[in-house]
Amino acid sequence: MIETKILDYLQRKLNMTYVYLETPKTAHASYVVFQIVDRTRENYIDAVTVRLWSYGKTKEEAASLDELVRNAMYEITDVTDISSSTLGGGADDYDTSLNKYRYSCYFNITYMEE
């Protein structure tokens, strides 16, 4: 499952366990949440669009974590079966429901399931 591969990879690459598939009820001051927002398949080649949110106690912390996440996602092709990862966009995005600073970015990932 691609979600598990991305989760394991980001936890290893960022050297942090605060990477989640959904917003936790209680969380560390800085953490990452991601979700698959689009999924396609053509000729047995799969592609997903992943939205990643980087949260921080301050806007600067959120921006720094976002940069680490982006750099990690550029290198996710090191993971078996993932052939490409391209940035689709991103933004400074304050989370009003949690009253936390966050940055978001989107990556388009092409891969083949085993």
Protein backbone atom coordinates (compact mmCIF):
# COMPACT_ATOMS: atom_id res chain seq x y z
CA MET A 1 0.00 0.00 0.00
CA ILE A 2 1.50 3.34 -1.07
CA GLU A 3 0.37 5.14 2.10
CA THR A 4 2.47 2.78 4.23
CA LYS A 5 5.51 3.22 1.98
CA ILE A 6 5.25 7.02 2.18
CA LEU A 7 4.69 6.95 5.96
CA ASP A 8 7.65 4.65 6.62
CA TYR A 9 9.88 6.60 4.26
CA LEU A 10 9.07 10.02 5.79
CA GLN A 11 9.53 8.77 9.34
CA ARG A 12 12.96 7.39 8.39
CA LYS A 13 14.06 10.29 6.20
CA LEU A 14 12.91 13.06 8.54
CA ASN A 15 14.16 11.07 11.54
CA MET A 16 10.88 11.69 13.34
CA THR A 17 7.92 9.59 14.38
CA TYR A 18 5.54 12.54 14.19
CA VAL A 19 4.28 11.72 10.69
CA TYR A 20 0.62 10.76 10.48
CA LEU A 21 -2.07 9.70 8.04
CA GLU A 22 -4.63 11.74 9.97
CA THR A 23 -4.50 14.60 12.44
CA PRO A 24 -3.81 13.15 15.90
CA LYS A 25 -5.95 14.13 18.90
CA THR A 26 -2.80 15.11 20.80
CA ALA A 27 0.32 15.94 18.87
CA HIS A 28 3.87 17.09 19.22
CA ALA A 29 4.58 20.80 18.58
CA SER A 30 5.88 20.00 15.06
CA TYR A 31 4.48 17.19 12.95
CA VAL A 32 3.48 16.15 9.43
CA VAL A 33 0.10 14.88 8.21
CA PHE A 34 -0.46 13.60 4.70
CA GLN A 35 -3.30 12.23 2.65
CA ILE A 36 -3.89 10.86 -0.83
CA VAL A 37 -6.13 13.33 -2.66
CA ASP A 38 -6.18 11.69 -6.09
CA ARG A 39 -5.46 8.21 -7.42
CA THR A 40 -5.16 7.03 -11.03
CA ARG A 41 -4.00 3.96 -12.94
CA GLU A 42 -3.04 3.50 -16.57
CA ASN A 43 -1.44 0.41 -18.10
CA TYR A 44 -0.78 -1.02 -14.61
CA ILE A 45 1.16 2.09 -13.60
CA ASP A 46 -0.30 3.83 -10.57
CA ALA A 47 -0.15 7.51 -9.69
CA VAL A 48 -1.26 9.44 -6.64
CA THR A 49 -1.36 13.05 -5.61
CA VAL A 50 -0.29 13.46 -2.00
CA ARG A 51 -1.06 16.54 0.09
CA LEU A 52 1.36 17.06 2.98
CA TRP A 53 0.82 19.50 5.83
CA SER A 54 3.76 20.57 7.98
CA TYR A 55 2.66 21.93 11.37
CA GLY A 56 4.77 23.99 13.74
CA LYS A 57 4.51 25.93 16.96
CA THR A 58 5.60 29.02 15.00
CA LYS A 59 5.31 29.97 11.36
CA GLU A 60 9.09 29.64 11.03
CA GLU A 61 9.01 26.08 12.44
CA ALA A 62 6.24 25.12 10.01
CA ALA A 63 8.18 26.61 7.08
CA SER A 64 11.40 24.82 8.08
CA LEU A 65 9.60 21.49 8.41
CA ASP A 66 7.90 22.05 5.03
CA GLU A 67 11.31 22.51 3.42
CA LEU A 68 12.56 19.27 4.97
CA VAL A 69 9.43 17.46 3.76
CA ARG A 70 9.84 18.80 0.22
CA ASN A 71 13.50 17.77 0.08
CA ALA A 72 12.58 14.30 1.35
CA MET A 73 9.79 13.93 -1.21
CA TYR A 74 12.15 14.84 -4.06
CA GLU A 75 14.23 11.80 -3.05
CA ILE A 76 11.38 9.33 -2.45
CA THR A 77 12.27 7.61 -5.72
CA ASP A 78 14.88 5.77 -3.62
CA VAL A 79 11.94 3.68 -2.37
CA THR A 80 11.35 0.47 -4.32
CA ASP A 81 8.59 0.74 -6.94
CA ILE A 82 8.36 4.57 -6.87
CA SER A 83 9.59 5.94 -10.18
CA SER A 84 8.86 9.67 -9.97
CA SER A 85 7.92 12.42 -7.55
CA THR A 86 7.17 15.95 -8.71
CA LEU A 87 6.07 18.99 -6.77
CA GLY A 88 2.56 20.06 -7.74
CA GLY A 89 2.38 23.19 -5.59
CA GLY A 90 2.27 24.45 -2.06
CA ALA A 91 1.26 27.31 0.18
CA ASP A 92 1.42 28.97 3.56
CA ASP A 93 -1.82 27.79 5.14
CA TYR A 94 -2.95 28.64 8.71
CA ASP A 95 -5.14 25.92 10.20
CA THR A 96 -8.03 27.80 11.80
CA SER A 97 -9.64 24.67 13.30
CA LEU A 98 -6.48 23.80 15.25
CA ASN A 99 -5.15 27.37 15.58
CA LYS A 100 -1.75 26.21 14.31
CA TYR A 101 0.69 27.39 11.70
CA ARG A 102 1.09 25.03 8.78
CA TYR A 103 2.48 24.85 5.29
CA SER A 104 1.14 22.53 2.64
CA CYS A 105 2.61 20.99 -0.47
CA TYR A 106 1.38 18.57 -3.11
CA PHE A 107 3.42 15.86 -4.80
CA ASN A 108 2.51 13.69 -7.77
CA ILE A 109 3.98 10.23 -7.34
CA THR A 110 4.17 7.49 -9.97
CA TYR A 111 4.70 3.92 -8.79
CA MET A 112 3.89 0.26 -9.41
CA GLU A 113 2.24 -1.89 -6.74
CA GLU A 114 3.91 -5.21 -6.04
